[in-house]
Protein backbone atom coordinates (compact mmCIF):
# COMPACT_ATOMS: atom_id res chain seq x y z
CA MET A 1 -240.72 -117.01 15.37
CA THR A 2 -237.10 -115.03 16.78
CA LEU A 3 -234.77 -114.06 14.48
CA ASP A 4 -231.11 -114.75 14.17
CA ALA A 5 -229.23 -111.91 13.59
CA HIS A 6 -228.41 -111.62 10.97
CA GLY A 7 -231.68 -112.36 10.16
CA GLN A 8 -232.19 -108.79 12.53
CA LEU A 9 -229.56 -106.79 10.40
CA LEU A 10 -231.63 -107.88 7.42
CA VAL A 11 -234.74 -106.62 9.73
CA LEU A 12 -233.11 -103.69 10.26
CA ALA A 13 -232.27 -102.44 6.86
CA ARG A 14 -234.95 -103.19 5.34
CA GLU A 15 -236.86 -101.23 7.88
CA ILE A 16 -234.53 -98.16 7.22
CA ALA A 17 -233.88 -98.63 3.44
CA VAL A 18 -237.87 -98.28 2.53
CA ARG A 19 -238.80 -95.27 5.47
CA VAL A 20 -235.55 -93.23 3.82
CA GLY A 21 -236.49 -94.68 0.03
CA ASP A 22 -240.14 -93.57 0.51
CA THR A 23 -239.60 -90.60 2.00
CA ALA A 24 -237.73 -88.73 -0.62
CA LEU A 25 -239.69 -90.01 -3.60
CA ALA A 26 -242.53 -88.10 -1.63
CA GLY A 27 -239.73 -84.76 -1.81
CA ARG A 28 -238.96 -85.68 -4.90
CA ARG A 29 -241.95 -85.52 -6.04
CA ARG A 30 -242.46 -82.00 -4.21
CA GLY A 31 -239.48 -80.51 -5.93
CA LEU A 32 -236.05 -80.46 -6.52
CA ARG A 33 -234.57 -76.91 -5.11
CA ASN A 34 -230.62 -78.28 -4.82
CA VAL A 35 -228.57 -79.84 -7.64
CA GLU A 36 -224.83 -80.10 -7.94
CA THR A 37 -222.45 -81.95 -8.51
CA LYS A 38 -219.80 -83.93 -7.61
CA SER A 39 -216.90 -85.73 -11.01
CA THR A 40 -218.25 -83.95 -13.22
CA SER A 41 -220.63 -82.53 -14.80
CA THR A 42 -222.86 -85.22 -15.27
CA ASP A 43 -222.56 -86.62 -11.40
CA MET A 44 -225.45 -85.11 -10.57
CA VAL A 45 -225.94 -84.74 -6.44
CA THR A 46 -229.02 -83.15 -4.57
CA GLU A 47 -230.37 -82.09 -1.40
CA TRP A 48 -231.93 -85.50 -1.05
CA ASP A 49 -228.72 -87.83 -2.05
CA ARG A 50 -227.46 -86.02 1.02
CA ALA A 51 -230.68 -86.51 3.66
CA THR A 52 -231.04 -89.72 3.01
CA GLU A 53 -227.64 -90.51 4.22
CA ARG A 54 -227.31 -88.06 7.28
CA GLU A 55 -230.48 -89.90 8.63
CA ILE A 56 -229.77 -93.75 7.42
CA VAL A 57 -226.14 -93.32 9.46
CA ALA A 58 -227.31 -91.17 12.16
CA THR A 59 -230.56 -94.45 12.43
CA LEU A 60 -227.16 -96.41 12.03
CA GLN A 61 -224.95 -94.55 14.63
CA ARG A 62 -228.27 -95.07 16.98
CA LEU A 63 -229.03 -99.35 16.81
CA ARG A 64 -225.38 -99.83 16.06
CA PRO A 65 -222.92 -97.09 16.94
CA ASN A 66 -220.19 -100.32 16.56
CA ASP A 67 -220.19 -101.13 13.10
CA ALA A 68 -218.07 -99.72 10.72
CA ILE A 69 -220.33 -97.63 7.97
CA VAL A 70 -219.14 -96.78 4.64
CA GLY A 71 -221.51 -94.40 2.32
CA GLU A 72 -221.20 -92.41 -1.04
CA GLU A 73 -221.79 -88.64 -0.20
CA ASP A 74 -219.50 -88.82 3.72
CA GLY A 75 -217.53 -91.10 3.51
CA SER A 76 -216.16 -93.89 5.71
CA HIS A 77 -217.06 -94.25 9.99
CA ASP A 78 -214.74 -96.42 11.89
CA GLY A 79 -215.83 -99.43 13.15
CA THR A 80 -215.10 -102.69 15.75
CA SER A 81 -217.63 -105.06 15.58
CA GLY A 82 -216.23 -106.19 11.97
CA LEU A 83 -219.64 -105.78 10.20
CA THR A 84 -219.80 -102.66 7.51
CA TRP A 85 -222.80 -100.77 6.32
CA TYR A 86 -222.52 -100.21 2.22
CA ILE A 87 -224.67 -97.49 1.99
CA ASP A 88 -225.80 -96.09 -1.41
CA PRO A 89 -228.54 -92.57 -0.79
CA ILE A 90 -229.73 -93.15 -3.61
CA ASP A 91 -228.23 -95.33 -6.67
CA GLY A 92 -229.62 -94.05 -9.80
CA THR A 93 -229.68 -90.10 -8.92
CA THR A 94 -230.00 -88.90 -12.85
CA ASN A 95 -233.28 -90.76 -13.00
CA PHE A 96 -234.25 -88.92 -9.23
CA LEU A 97 -233.60 -85.61 -10.84
CA TYR A 98 -235.45 -86.27 -14.20
CA ASP A 99 -238.12 -87.16 -12.43
CA LEU A 100 -237.24 -91.51 -13.70
CA PRO A 101 -238.57 -94.11 -11.17
CA MET A 102 -235.67 -96.18 -11.98
CA TRP A 103 -233.57 -95.54 -8.79
CA THR A 104 -232.79 -97.32 -5.61
CA VAL A 105 -231.54 -96.75 -1.89
CA SER A 106 -229.25 -99.51 -1.61
CA ILE A 107 -227.98 -100.81 0.89
CA GLY A 108 -225.62 -103.66 2.03
CA VAL A 109 -223.83 -105.49 5.12
CA HIS A 110 -220.60 -106.92 5.19
CA ASP A 111 -218.70 -109.32 7.19
CA ALA A 112 -215.02 -110.34 6.55
CA SER A 113 -216.24 -113.14 5.21
CA GLY A 114 -218.23 -110.84 3.02
CA PRO A 115 -221.79 -109.78 2.27
CA VAL A 116 -223.89 -110.30 5.00
CA CYS A 117 -227.35 -109.24 3.95
CA GLY A 118 -228.72 -106.86 1.41
CA VAL A 119 -231.27 -104.28 0.54
CA VAL A 120 -232.04 -102.28 -2.63
CA HIS A 121 -235.62 -100.29 -2.26
CA ALA A 122 -237.12 -98.82 -5.58
CA PRO A 123 -239.13 -96.19 -4.16
CA ALA A 124 -240.76 -95.10 -7.55
CA LEU A 125 -241.75 -99.16 -8.29
CA ARG A 126 -242.84 -100.29 -4.96
CA GLU A 127 -240.50 -102.86 -5.12
CA THR A 128 -238.26 -103.87 -2.67
CA PHE A 129 -235.10 -107.20 -3.15
CA THR A 130 -233.74 -108.57 -0.41
CA ALA A 131 -231.19 -110.91 0.07
CA ILE A 132 -229.15 -113.45 3.25
CA ARG A 133 -226.39 -115.26 2.78
CA GLY A 134 -227.41 -118.73 2.31
CA ARG A 135 -231.17 -117.95 2.06
CA GLY A 136 -232.26 -117.02 -1.07
CA ALA A 137 -233.30 -113.34 -2.63
CA HIS A 138 -236.48 -112.32 -2.60
CA LEU A 139 -239.12 -109.02 -4.26
CA ASN A 140 -241.02 -108.07 -2.24
CA GLY A 141 -241.47 -111.19 0.07
CA HIS A 142 -241.35 -113.69 -2.49
CA PRO A 143 -238.72 -115.72 -3.59
CA ILE A 144 -237.14 -115.35 -7.19
CA SER A 145 -234.07 -117.33 -9.06
CA CYS A 146 -232.50 -114.99 -12.51
CA GLY A 147 -233.82 -116.22 -16.17
CA SER A 148 -232.04 -119.77 -17.32
CA VAL A 149 -231.84 -118.63 -20.89
CA THR A 150 -228.71 -120.88 -23.01
CA ASP A 151 -228.58 -119.28 -26.58
CA LEU A 152 -226.16 -116.11 -25.83
CA THR A 153 -228.06 -114.95 -28.77
CA GLN A 154 -231.51 -114.70 -27.00
CA ALA A 155 -230.12 -113.05 -23.93
CA LEU A 156 -230.59 -109.56 -22.89
CA VAL A 157 -227.56 -107.28 -21.46
CA ALA A 158 -227.79 -104.53 -19.19
CA THR A 159 -224.85 -101.83 -18.38
CA GLY A 160 -223.50 -98.45 -17.71
CA PHE A 161 -221.47 -95.46 -18.20
CA ASN A 162 -218.96 -93.62 -16.33
CA TYR A 163 -219.42 -90.17 -15.44
CA SER A 164 -216.26 -88.78 -17.05
CA ALA A 165 -216.89 -88.64 -21.05
CA ALA A 166 -213.32 -89.96 -21.73
CA ASN A 167 -214.33 -93.13 -19.91
CA ARG A 168 -217.04 -93.81 -21.76
CA VAL A 169 -215.60 -93.16 -25.27
CA ILE A 170 -214.09 -96.23 -23.74
CA GLN A 171 -216.96 -98.46 -22.74
CA ALA A 172 -219.31 -97.12 -25.63
CA GLN A 173 -216.10 -98.89 -28.32
CA ARG A 174 -216.96 -102.25 -26.51
CA PHE A 175 -220.41 -102.43 -28.29
CA PRO A 176 -219.50 -103.47 -31.66
CA LYS A 177 -217.94 -106.46 -30.80
CA PHE A 178 -221.32 -108.19 -29.03
CA ILE A 179 -223.55 -105.94 -29.90
CA ASP A 180 -225.30 -108.51 -32.83
CA LYS A 181 -223.99 -111.22 -30.95
CA ILE A 182 -227.13 -111.49 -28.10
CA ARG A 183 -230.72 -110.13 -28.25
CA ASP A 184 -230.39 -106.36 -27.42
CA VAL A 185 -228.58 -104.08 -24.36
CA ARG A 186 -230.61 -102.48 -21.61
CA ARG A 187 -229.00 -98.90 -20.45
CA LEU A 188 -230.93 -97.68 -17.04
CA GLY A 189 -228.90 -95.80 -14.86
CA SER A 190 -228.72 -97.62 -10.99
CA ALA A 191 -226.37 -100.46 -10.80
CA SER A 192 -227.71 -101.38 -7.62
CA LEU A 193 -231.40 -102.17 -10.13
CA ASP A 194 -229.72 -103.73 -12.66
CA LEU A 195 -227.77 -106.84 -10.85
CA CYS A 196 -231.40 -107.38 -9.04
CA PHE A 197 -232.81 -107.76 -12.33
CA VAL A 198 -230.25 -110.05 -13.28
CA ALA A 199 -231.56 -111.71 -10.01
CA CYS A 200 -235.03 -111.43 -10.95
CA GLY A 201 -234.87 -112.79 -14.38
CA ARG A 202 -235.89 -109.27 -16.38
CA TYR A 203 -231.52 -109.08 -18.09
CA ASP A 204 -229.77 -112.55 -18.46
CA GLY A 205 -226.66 -110.40 -17.63
CA TYR A 206 -225.87 -106.74 -16.95
CA PHE A 207 -221.74 -105.45 -16.63
CA GLU A 208 -220.26 -101.99 -15.80
CA GLU A 209 -216.56 -100.41 -15.17
CA HIS A 210 -216.14 -97.69 -13.05
CA LEU A 211 -218.27 -98.80 -10.28
CA PHE A 212 -218.07 -98.49 -6.64
CA PRO A 213 -218.45 -100.62 -2.84
CA TRP A 214 -221.62 -99.18 -2.52
CA ASP A 215 -222.62 -100.35 -5.71
CA PHE A 216 -222.66 -103.15 -5.55
CA ALA A 217 -222.09 -104.15 -1.73
CA ALA A 218 -225.70 -104.99 -2.02
CA GLY A 219 -227.30 -106.41 -5.62
CA SER A 220 -223.85 -108.37 -5.81
CA LEU A 221 -225.66 -110.57 -3.09
CA ILE A 222 -229.14 -110.07 -4.43
CA ALA A 223 -227.59 -111.63 -8.00
CA THR A 224 -226.28 -114.41 -6.06
CA GLU A 225 -228.99 -115.78 -3.72
CA ALA A 226 -231.32 -115.92 -7.26
CA GLY A 227 -228.11 -118.22 -8.83
CA ALA A 228 -226.67 -115.71 -10.51
CA GLN A 229 -222.79 -115.64 -10.55
CA PHE A 230 -221.07 -112.42 -9.83
CA MET A 231 -217.53 -111.61 -10.44
CA ASN A 232 -215.70 -108.52 -9.74
CA PHE A 233 -212.96 -107.70 -11.49
CA GLY A 234 -211.15 -104.71 -9.70
CA ALA A 235 -207.96 -105.13 -7.21
CA ASP A 236 -207.68 -104.18 -4.13
CA SER A 237 -205.20 -101.83 -5.31
CA GLU A 238 -207.78 -99.74 -7.16
CA PRO A 239 -210.92 -97.60 -5.80
CA SER A 240 -213.89 -99.23 -8.87
CA SER A 241 -214.14 -102.25 -10.45
CA ALA A 242 -215.72 -103.40 -13.25
CA VAL A 243 -218.15 -106.41 -11.99
CA LEU A 244 -220.14 -108.22 -14.01
CA ALA A 245 -223.37 -110.78 -13.45
CA ALA A 246 -225.15 -113.30 -15.72
CA ASN A 247 -226.87 -115.87 -15.45
CA PRO A 248 -224.60 -119.08 -14.80
CA ILE A 249 -224.87 -120.98 -18.59
CA LEU A 250 -224.07 -117.49 -19.78
CA PHE A 251 -221.27 -116.20 -17.97
CA ASP A 252 -218.00 -116.53 -18.58
CA GLN A 253 -219.70 -116.05 -22.79
CA ILE A 254 -220.59 -113.15 -21.50
CA ARG A 255 -217.43 -112.72 -19.62
CA HIS A 256 -215.57 -113.35 -23.32
CA LEU A 257 -217.40 -110.99 -25.39
CA VAL A 258 -217.34 -108.06 -22.62
CA PHE A 259 -213.80 -108.34 -20.89
CA ASP A 260 -211.56 -110.43 -23.68
């Protein structure tokens, strides 16, 4: 079967994500040698964050030299094709540091109309989530769909916390507003994986503030292609965003609980 342009992009994104992710997993199991901090003492970066992004960028510049690239670690690379690759080389660095399995390589491709395709590869979980715009979402090649819980009191909702201690305090103050109105809360530490867990029905909703485009460029498409509703509350003038993904039945109820 001959793949169209979007299919070819997905195949390339998936091949890159799986290859570099599995290499990073093998490296982590040999032990880390270089762990530094960035914006705060809780915002870590390892040698594998940088090495993984370098490998992704080098591969794309060789195979897709006219595409733009936006990466978490090394900034932007301009392009002329109208396509932009958003890269989070290791989403969930704290989990990676502590050898917890909830981390991913996230690669999303966007055009002028938004997300085209997305891959979120979780090497330690042996799970690869994929989506192409208009063609549904898949986990390890099998179609997935979001949950269908209708009762808010039965909803399992995930969130995340910012690296800034002051922001975390503000975020934590939201919980008394809704903790008694849902089933429970989870916090994985990987935005891309949280979005994918909404996509496959493991969560009924997920919200987080202070995210950057590479955090949700792939996961947002996977969630929406699985039938979830997604909203980015960020302003164009702001570098970071607040996002919410949930099954469509609960979306507005969760939005009012969390953001009103």
